Protein backbone atom coordinates (compact mmCIF):
# COMPACT_ATOMS: atom_id res chain seq x y z
CA UNK A 1 -11.30 18.03 -261.59
CA UNK A 2 -13.52 20.69 -263.21
CA UNK A 3 -14.29 20.82 -266.93
CA UNK A 4 -11.41 23.33 -267.24
CA UNK A 5 -8.09 21.89 -268.26
CA UNK A 6 -5.63 21.33 -265.47
CA UNK A 7 -3.59 24.47 -264.86
CA UNK A 8 -6.20 26.88 -266.26
CA UNK A 9 -7.37 29.48 -263.72
CA UNK A 10 -11.04 29.56 -262.77
CA UNK A 11 -12.83 32.87 -263.20
CA UNK A 12 -15.05 34.43 -260.50
CA UNK A 13 -18.63 33.34 -260.93
CA UNK A 14 -17.76 30.15 -262.81
CA UNK A 15 -18.54 26.77 -261.30
CA UNK A 16 -15.95 26.20 -258.61
CA UNK A 17 -14.72 29.81 -258.88
CA UNK A 18 -13.34 31.38 -255.67
CA UNK A 19 -15.95 34.11 -255.54
CA UNK A 20 -18.92 32.06 -256.66
CA UNK A 21 -22.08 33.46 -255.02
CA UNK A 22 -19.98 35.26 -252.41
CA UNK A 23 -22.16 37.51 -250.23
CA UNK A 24 -21.08 39.94 -247.51
CA UNK A 25 -23.10 41.27 -244.63
CA UNK A 26 -23.15 45.01 -243.94
CA UNK A 27 -22.90 45.75 -240.22
CA UNK A 28 -23.10 49.12 -238.50
CA UNK A 29 -20.70 49.12 -235.58
CA UNK A 30 -22.06 52.25 -233.94
CA UNK A 31 -22.99 54.98 -233.50
CA UNK A 32 -25.54 53.53 -231.05
CA UNK A 33 -23.14 51.05 -229.51
CA UNK A 34 -21.45 51.25 -226.08
CA UNK A 35 -17.99 50.55 -227.55
CA UNK A 36 -18.32 53.56 -229.88
CA UNK A 37 -19.54 55.83 -227.05
CA UNK A 38 -22.83 56.20 -228.93
CA UNK A 39 -21.03 58.72 -231.13
CA UNK A 40 -19.03 57.37 -234.07
CA UNK A 41 -19.98 54.87 -236.73
CA UNK A 42 -18.09 52.15 -238.59
CA UNK A 43 -19.75 50.50 -241.57
CA UNK A 44 -18.29 47.00 -241.76
CA UNK A 45 -18.48 44.44 -244.55
CA UNK A 46 -18.51 41.05 -242.87
CA UNK A 47 -17.68 37.59 -244.18
CA UNK A 48 -19.23 35.73 -241.31
CA UNK A 49 -17.31 36.95 -238.24
CA UNK A 50 -14.39 38.20 -240.32
CA UNK A 51 -14.11 41.89 -241.26
CA UNK A 52 -13.56 42.39 -244.99
CA UNK A 53 -13.68 46.21 -245.09
CA UNK A 54 -14.44 49.10 -242.76
CA UNK A 55 -15.51 52.69 -243.35
CA UNK A 56 -15.50 55.05 -240.34
CA UNK A 57 -17.85 58.00 -239.98
CA UNK A 58 -17.26 60.74 -237.41
CA UNK A 59 -18.83 64.09 -236.58
CA UNK A 60 -21.87 63.09 -234.53
CA UNK A 61 -20.66 65.16 -231.57
CA UNK A 62 -18.81 67.93 -233.44
CA UNK A 63 -18.91 71.08 -231.28
CA UNK A 64 -16.92 73.46 -233.50
CA UNK A 65 -14.33 74.00 -230.76
CA UNK A 66 -12.01 76.01 -232.99
CA UNK A 67 -14.74 78.42 -234.13
CA UNK A 68 -16.10 78.77 -230.61
CA UNK A 69 -12.63 79.82 -229.45
CA UNK A 70 -12.54 82.65 -232.00
CA UNK A 71 -15.48 84.31 -230.25
CA UNK A 72 -14.21 84.05 -226.69
CA UNK A 73 -11.59 85.95 -224.69
CA UNK A 74 -8.46 83.90 -224.07
CA UNK A 75 -9.34 83.09 -220.46
CA UNK A 76 -12.78 81.85 -221.47
CA UNK A 77 -11.37 79.31 -223.93
CA UNK A 78 -10.19 77.14 -221.01
CA UNK A 79 -13.62 75.63 -220.14
CA UNK A 80 -14.22 74.50 -223.72
CA UNK A 81 -10.89 72.65 -223.80
CA UNK A 82 -12.23 70.48 -220.96
CA UNK A 83 -14.68 68.80 -223.30
CA UNK A 84 -11.99 67.48 -225.66
CA UNK A 85 -10.30 64.54 -223.93
CA UNK A 86 -12.55 64.58 -220.89
CA UNK A 87 -10.66 61.62 -219.39
CA UNK A 88 -7.70 63.90 -218.72
CA UNK A 89 -9.15 67.42 -218.80
CA UNK A 90 -6.33 69.16 -216.87
CA UNK A 91 -3.81 68.37 -219.63
CA UNK A 92 -6.10 70.10 -222.15
CA UNK A 93 -6.32 73.11 -219.83
CA UNK A 94 -2.58 73.32 -219.16
CA UNK A 95 -1.76 72.92 -222.85
CA UNK A 96 -3.95 75.92 -223.70
CA UNK A 97 -2.51 78.04 -220.90
CA UNK A 98 1.05 77.27 -221.98
CA UNK A 99 0.22 78.19 -225.58
CA UNK A 100 -0.97 81.67 -224.56
CA UNK A 101 1.99 82.04 -222.20
CA UNK A 102 4.34 81.15 -225.05
CA UNK A 103 2.76 83.80 -227.27
CA UNK A 104 2.98 86.40 -224.50
CA UNK A 105 6.51 85.48 -223.42
CA UNK A 106 5.32 84.72 -219.87
CA UNK A 107 7.80 82.86 -217.65
CA UNK A 108 6.44 80.97 -214.68
CA UNK A 109 8.08 80.32 -211.30
CA UNK A 110 9.51 76.81 -210.87
CA UNK A 111 6.99 76.11 -208.14
CA UNK A 112 4.11 76.63 -210.57
CA UNK A 113 5.77 74.34 -213.13
CA UNK A 114 6.13 71.56 -210.57
CA UNK A 115 2.55 71.93 -209.32
CA UNK A 116 1.35 71.72 -212.91
CA UNK A 117 3.42 68.58 -213.46
CA UNK A 118 1.70 66.95 -210.50
CA UNK A 119 -1.73 67.81 -211.90
CA UNK A 120 -0.87 66.64 -215.42
CA UNK A 121 0.57 63.33 -214.23
CA UNK A 122 -2.50 62.72 -212.09
CA UNK A 123 -4.54 63.30 -215.26
CA UNK A 124 -2.36 60.82 -217.18
CA UNK A 125 -2.93 58.24 -214.46
CA UNK A 126 -6.67 58.80 -214.65
CA UNK A 127 -6.67 58.48 -218.44
CA UNK A 128 -4.63 55.26 -218.48
CA UNK A 129 -6.68 53.71 -215.67
CA UNK A 130 -9.83 54.19 -217.74
CA UNK A 131 -8.26 52.85 -220.95
CA UNK A 132 -6.62 49.75 -219.47
CA UNK A 133 -9.54 48.79 -217.26
CA UNK A 134 -11.90 49.00 -220.26
CA UNK A 135 -9.55 46.80 -222.30
CA UNK A 136 -9.97 44.24 -219.52
CA UNK A 137 -13.76 44.53 -219.67
CA UNK A 138 -13.82 44.12 -223.45
CA UNK A 139 -11.77 40.94 -223.12
CA UNK A 140 -14.28 39.57 -220.59
CA UNK A 141 -12.51 40.52 -217.34
CA UNK A 142 -14.77 42.75 -215.23
CA UNK A 143 -13.02 42.31 -211.87
CA UNK A 144 -9.98 44.43 -212.72
CA UNK A 145 -12.21 47.30 -213.83
CA UNK A 146 -14.18 47.30 -210.59
CA UNK A 147 -11.01 47.14 -208.53
CA UNK A 148 -8.76 49.72 -210.21
CA UNK A 149 -11.50 52.25 -210.96
CA UNK A 150 -11.63 53.34 -207.33
CA UNK A 151 -8.28 55.07 -207.84
CA UNK A 152 -9.71 57.23 -210.59
CA UNK A 153 -12.26 58.38 -208.02
CA UNK A 154 -9.42 59.27 -205.63
CA UNK A 155 -7.81 61.37 -208.38
CA UNK A 156 -11.10 63.16 -209.00
CA UNK A 157 -11.30 63.95 -205.29
CA UNK A 158 -7.86 65.57 -205.56
CA UNK A 159 -9.06 67.67 -208.52
CA UNK A 160 -12.11 68.66 -206.52
CA UNK A 161 -9.96 69.79 -203.62
CA UNK A 162 -7.67 71.82 -205.91
CA UNK A 163 -10.24 73.54 -208.13
CA UNK A 164 -13.74 72.52 -207.03
CA UNK A 165 -14.49 70.37 -210.12
CA UNK A 166 -14.03 66.73 -211.01
CA UNK A 167 -14.49 65.77 -214.66
CA UNK A 168 -14.41 69.05 -216.59
CA UNK A 169 -11.97 70.81 -214.36
CA UNK A 170 -11.27 74.29 -215.80
CA UNK A 171 -8.17 73.95 -213.65
CA UNK A 172 -5.54 76.66 -213.44
CA UNK A 173 -5.30 80.00 -215.20
CA UNK A 174 -3.15 81.61 -217.87
CA UNK A 175 -0.02 82.50 -215.93
CA UNK A 176 -0.39 79.88 -213.21
CA UNK A 177 -2.93 78.34 -210.89
CA UNK A 178 -6.10 79.79 -209.45
CA UNK A 179 -5.19 78.76 -205.92
CA UNK A 180 -2.54 76.85 -203.99
CA UNK A 181 -2.92 73.19 -203.01
CA UNK A 182 -4.64 72.89 -199.64
CA UNK A 183 -3.36 70.63 -196.89
CA UNK A 184 -6.27 68.31 -197.61
CA UNK A 185 -5.17 68.07 -201.25
CA UNK A 186 -1.63 67.14 -200.19
CA UNK A 187 -2.98 64.48 -197.81
CA UNK A 188 -5.08 63.00 -200.60
CA UNK A 189 -2.07 62.98 -202.95
CA UNK A 190 0.07 61.24 -200.31
CA UNK A 191 -2.68 58.67 -199.74
CA UNK A 192 -2.94 57.98 -203.46
CA UNK A 193 0.82 57.54 -203.81
CA UNK A 194 0.81 55.03 -200.96
CA UNK A 195 -2.18 52.98 -202.16
CA UNK A 196 -2.04 53.10 -205.96
CA UNK A 197 1.16 51.01 -206.40
CA UNK A 198 -0.42 48.07 -204.59
CA UNK A 199 -3.58 48.53 -206.63
CA UNK A 200 -1.61 48.52 -209.89
CA UNK A 201 0.22 45.35 -208.86
CA UNK A 202 -3.10 43.61 -208.11
CA UNK A 203 -4.51 44.79 -211.44
CA UNK A 204 -1.46 43.52 -213.33
CA UNK A 205 -1.62 40.17 -211.52
CA UNK A 206 -5.16 39.75 -212.82
CA UNK A 207 -4.34 40.45 -216.47
CA UNK A 208 -0.71 40.71 -217.56
CA UNK A 209 0.06 36.96 -217.52
CA UNK A 210 -3.56 35.82 -217.78
CA UNK A 211 -3.72 33.28 -220.59
CA UNK A 212 -7.21 34.28 -221.77
CA UNK A 213 -6.29 37.99 -221.76
CA UNK A 214 -3.05 37.32 -223.62
CA UNK A 215 -4.80 35.18 -226.24
CA UNK A 216 -7.36 37.92 -226.81
CA UNK A 217 -4.91 40.82 -227.04
CA UNK A 218 -1.61 39.53 -228.49
CA UNK A 219 -1.73 39.98 -232.25
CA UNK A 220 -5.01 41.91 -232.02
CA UNK A 221 -5.17 45.12 -234.08
CA UNK A 222 -1.44 45.38 -234.87
CA UNK A 223 0.30 48.19 -236.72
CA UNK A 224 4.02 48.52 -237.40
CA UNK A 225 6.18 51.55 -236.68
CA UNK A 226 6.48 52.64 -240.32
CA UNK A 227 2.71 52.66 -240.87
CA UNK A 228 2.08 54.32 -237.51
CA UNK A 229 4.51 57.12 -238.34
CA UNK A 230 3.00 57.57 -241.80
CA UNK A 231 -0.41 58.12 -240.20
CA UNK A 232 1.03 60.57 -237.66
CA UNK A 233 0.67 58.40 -234.55
CA UNK A 234 2.02 59.78 -231.28
CA UNK A 235 1.64 58.82 -227.63
CA UNK A 236 1.18 55.27 -226.28
CA UNK A 237 -0.15 54.01 -229.64
CA UNK A 238 3.11 54.99 -231.34
CA UNK A 239 5.34 53.90 -228.48
CA UNK A 240 3.68 50.45 -228.60
CA UNK A 241 5.26 50.01 -232.06
CA UNK A 242 8.76 50.63 -230.66
CA UNK A 243 9.18 54.37 -231.36
CA UNK A 244 10.22 56.22 -228.18
CA UNK A 245 8.74 59.62 -229.05
CA UNK A 246 7.40 61.55 -226.05
CA UNK A 247 6.75 65.31 -226.15
CA UNK A 248 7.90 65.66 -222.53
CA UNK A 249 11.38 64.60 -223.66
CA UNK A 250 11.47 65.77 -227.29
CA UNK A 251 10.15 69.30 -226.53
CA UNK A 252 10.19 69.73 -222.75
CA UNK A 253 7.67 72.09 -221.15
CA UNK A 254 6.71 72.94 -217.58
CA UNK A 255 10.25 72.00 -216.45
CA UNK A 256 9.89 68.32 -217.46
CA UNK A 257 13.60 68.45 -218.28
CA UNK A 258 14.19 68.41 -214.50
CA UNK A 259 12.67 64.93 -214.12
CA UNK A 260 14.08 61.44 -214.63
CA UNK A 261 11.77 58.90 -216.23
CA UNK A 262 11.90 56.24 -218.90
CA UNK A 263 9.76 56.01 -222.03
CA UNK A 264 8.18 52.53 -222.18
CA UNK A 265 7.97 51.03 -225.67
CA UNK A 266 6.53 47.88 -227.20
CA UNK A 267 7.53 45.81 -230.23
CA UNK A 268 4.44 44.55 -232.07
CA UNK A 269 2.11 47.55 -231.90
CA UNK A 270 -0.82 45.30 -230.97
CA UNK A 271 -3.47 45.58 -228.27
CA UNK A 272 -1.29 43.83 -225.69
CA UNK A 273 1.62 46.21 -226.31
CA UNK A 274 -0.66 49.25 -226.09
CA UNK A 275 -1.98 47.91 -222.78
CA UNK A 276 1.51 47.28 -221.41
CA UNK A 277 2.90 50.66 -222.51
CA UNK A 278 0.12 52.46 -220.64
CA UNK A 279 0.63 50.18 -217.64
CA UNK A 280 4.33 51.04 -217.44
CA UNK A 281 3.61 54.73 -217.99
CA UNK A 282 1.43 54.74 -214.87
CA UNK A 283 4.44 53.63 -212.82
CA UNK A 284 6.50 56.41 -214.39
CA UNK A 285 3.77 58.97 -213.58
CA UNK A 286 3.84 57.92 -209.94
CA UNK A 287 7.62 58.39 -209.94
CA UNK A 288 7.33 61.84 -211.57
CA UNK A 289 4.79 63.01 -208.97
CA UNK A 290 7.05 61.82 -206.16
CA UNK A 291 10.01 63.65 -207.73
CA UNK A 292 7.93 66.82 -208.07
CA UNK A 293 7.01 66.72 -204.39
CA UNK A 294 10.67 66.37 -203.40
CA UNK A 295 11.66 69.24 -205.69
CA UNK A 296 8.94 71.45 -204.20
CA UNK A 297 10.28 70.76 -200.73
CA UNK A 298 13.77 71.93 -201.79
CA UNK A 299 12.59 75.21 -203.33
CA UNK A 300 13.03 78.39 -201.32
CA UNK A 301 9.83 79.69 -202.90
CA UNK A 302 6.96 78.20 -200.89
CA UNK A 303 4.11 80.45 -201.96
CA UNK A 304 4.12 81.33 -205.69
CA UNK A 305 1.12 80.08 -207.64
CA UNK A 306 1.31 82.38 -210.67
CA UNK A 307 3.55 84.67 -212.66
CA UNK A 308 3.35 88.45 -212.41
CA UNK A 309 0.77 88.87 -215.18
CA UNK A 310 -2.05 91.16 -213.93
CA UNK A 311 -3.58 91.23 -217.43
CA UNK A 312 -4.50 87.54 -217.12
CA UNK A 313 -4.66 86.78 -213.43
CA UNK A 314 -7.61 87.94 -211.33
CA UNK A 315 -6.47 89.90 -208.26
CA UNK A 316 -7.67 88.80 -204.80
CA UNK A 317 -11.14 90.06 -203.93
CA UNK A 318 -9.93 92.06 -200.94
CA UNK A 319 -7.64 94.02 -203.28
CA UNK A 320 -10.48 94.55 -205.77
CA UNK A 321 -12.57 96.11 -202.99
CA UNK A 322 -9.77 98.40 -201.81
CA UNK A 323 -7.52 99.17 -204.79
CA UNK A 324 -8.50 101.05 -207.95
CA UNK A 325 -5.75 99.32 -209.97
CA UNK A 326 -6.93 95.88 -208.89
CA UNK A 327 -10.52 96.83 -209.73
CA UNK A 328 -9.49 97.91 -213.23
CA UNK A 329 -7.61 94.66 -213.89
CA UNK A 330 -10.53 92.64 -212.52
CA UNK A 331 -12.93 94.45 -214.86
CA UNK A 332 -10.70 94.06 -217.92
CA UNK A 333 -10.22 90.32 -217.36
CA UNK A 334 -13.88 89.56 -216.61
CA UNK A 335 -15.10 91.61 -219.56
CA UNK A 336 -12.55 90.00 -221.88
CA UNK A 337 -10.66 93.19 -222.69
CA UNK A 338 -7.17 91.78 -222.28
CA UNK A 339 -5.19 92.05 -225.49
CA UNK A 340 -2.30 89.78 -226.41
CA UNK A 341 0.65 90.36 -228.77
CA UNK A 342 0.36 89.71 -232.49
CA UNK A 343 1.95 86.50 -233.66
CA UNK A 344 1.48 82.80 -234.16
CA UNK A 345 2.67 79.92 -232.01
CA UNK A 346 2.34 76.17 -231.76
CA UNK A 347 2.70 74.47 -228.42
CA UNK A 348 2.46 70.68 -227.90
CA UNK A 349 2.03 68.74 -224.67
CA UNK A 350 2.02 64.99 -224.06
CA UNK A 351 -1.68 64.24 -223.62
CA UNK A 352 -3.15 60.95 -222.52
CA UNK A 353 -3.36 59.89 -226.18
CA UNK A 354 -0.28 61.57 -227.61
CA UNK A 355 0.83 64.95 -228.89
CA UNK A 356 -1.90 67.43 -228.04
CA UNK A 357 -1.03 70.75 -229.63
CA UNK A 358 -2.57 74.18 -230.08
CA UNK A 359 -1.73 76.33 -233.10
CA UNK A 360 -2.71 79.89 -232.21
CA UNK A 361 -2.75 82.94 -234.47
CA UNK A 362 -3.25 86.34 -232.85
CA UNK A 363 -3.93 89.64 -234.59
CA UNK A 364 -3.48 91.54 -231.32
CA UNK A 365 -7.19 91.49 -230.51
CA UNK A 366 -9.11 90.25 -227.50
CA UNK A 367 -9.89 86.83 -228.94
CA UNK A 368 -7.86 84.33 -231.00
CA UNK A 369 -7.83 85.23 -234.68
CA UNK A 370 -7.48 81.54 -235.48
CA UNK A 371 -7.04 78.47 -233.32
CA UNK A 372 -6.35 74.94 -234.48
CA UNK A 373 -5.96 71.96 -232.22
CA UNK A 374 -3.85 68.93 -233.05
CA UNK A 375 -5.98 66.24 -231.48
CA UNK A 376 -4.24 62.85 -231.46
CA UNK A 377 -7.48 60.81 -231.58
CA UNK A 378 -8.50 62.37 -234.88
CA UNK A 379 -5.14 61.51 -236.42
CA UNK A 380 -4.68 57.90 -235.33
CA UNK A 381 -8.32 56.90 -235.76
CA UNK A 382 -7.73 57.11 -239.53
CA UNK A 383 -5.73 53.89 -239.22
CA UNK A 384 -8.54 52.00 -237.48
CA UNK A 385 -9.97 50.36 -240.65
CA UNK A 386 -6.53 49.09 -241.66
CA UNK A 387 -5.96 47.70 -238.16
CA UNK A 388 -9.19 45.69 -238.01
CA UNK A 389 -9.62 44.42 -241.59
CA UNK A 390 -8.89 40.71 -241.70
CA UNK A 391 -9.65 40.28 -238.00
CA UNK A 392 -12.74 39.17 -236.13
CA UNK A 393 -15.58 41.42 -235.03
CA UNK A 394 -14.73 40.86 -231.38
CA UNK A 395 -11.17 42.03 -232.09
CA UNK A 396 -12.49 45.31 -233.54
CA UNK A 397 -13.95 46.22 -230.14
CA UNK A 398 -10.70 45.44 -228.31
CA UNK A 399 -8.66 47.36 -230.87
CA UNK A 400 -10.83 50.45 -230.49
CA UNK A 401 -10.54 50.30 -226.69
CA UNK A 402 -6.77 49.89 -226.81
CA UNK A 403 -6.43 52.92 -229.11
CA UNK A 404 -8.33 54.91 -226.46
CA UNK A 405 -10.52 56.79 -228.93
CA UNK A 406 -12.18 59.63 -226.98
CA UNK A 407 -15.25 61.00 -228.78
CA UNK A 408 -14.88 64.60 -227.59
CA UNK A 409 -11.29 64.77 -228.81
CA UNK A 410 -11.99 62.90 -232.05
CA UNK A 411 -14.79 65.21 -233.18
CA UNK A 412 -13.77 68.39 -231.30
């Protein structure tokens, strides 16, 4: 017993006090660290391997997306949306196109909606493949990454066949698509739909019931539904807590109301649940693509790839060479002289990480008067310190991977 009387509380710094000579280590987790993409920093206070506090720092890759957009014609904003969540670029592109279409009151043919759905669900598959395979790597399982990653390459080949690009796609146009899917693109899609299910089953067999993987991920970086909602979580990170919010169902766009799919949810909001939600969503994306193909086959319209919006859609070159009207439209679009109505709109889509929304204000000019992007990474990354404090350093890496923090989207 100390020289204090029994029952008297010891004060910090006194002999036998709880905080006597307590020292913490300051550790920079990033920015020059592979897990932080070499971009964002977390200053950790460490008690051995245990994290006592965490302070995130972002902005190392800030590109001023919103200000750049104010100096570009509407059509030329599309390529700079690619660099946001570059793991699923087409969803960024489509979200921007739909925002402008909403402002202009442009209605698209059903065929265009269904083709867009196929592209966006391919992008979701690509995004989730990257996230879940990296979770495996960060838990020490490299084999699954090497095996499943080949399917992301197949998806990129489909992009390349549709638009000529792979990572930063600039896919589609305001009012529709630049071109129709080629027969080669359809063959590649059919091949993916035949082979990916078996690949996903193999990947799940490696990890889902793997005792080491479960021990590393269950209870790692948890957050409950109430806290997630208070931070503004959306997407798989919110659904992992048990909240079934999905923009495709809550605010349908691109004819998503025509499709049947379930919204996978978790219970604990931990790394394992985030992994499993994305895993189940990949199966739903496969189902949605298959439904879209069947719906396309039933449509009488077999050719439409855009709405009748000459102010936004470049006419075919042969018409430009032979028609004065087509030449004028071509010139106006290329030179950025297309004007849009005055107004303000917000349009959300279900991105790979959650609700990806564009808030657009137009003063009737040739460029956006103001553009703000709701980027899900920026919103949920605020909860990262809370999710890792009290855990181990190794758990901080897994938690970050399972949140799927994309640097381009985080910093914008």
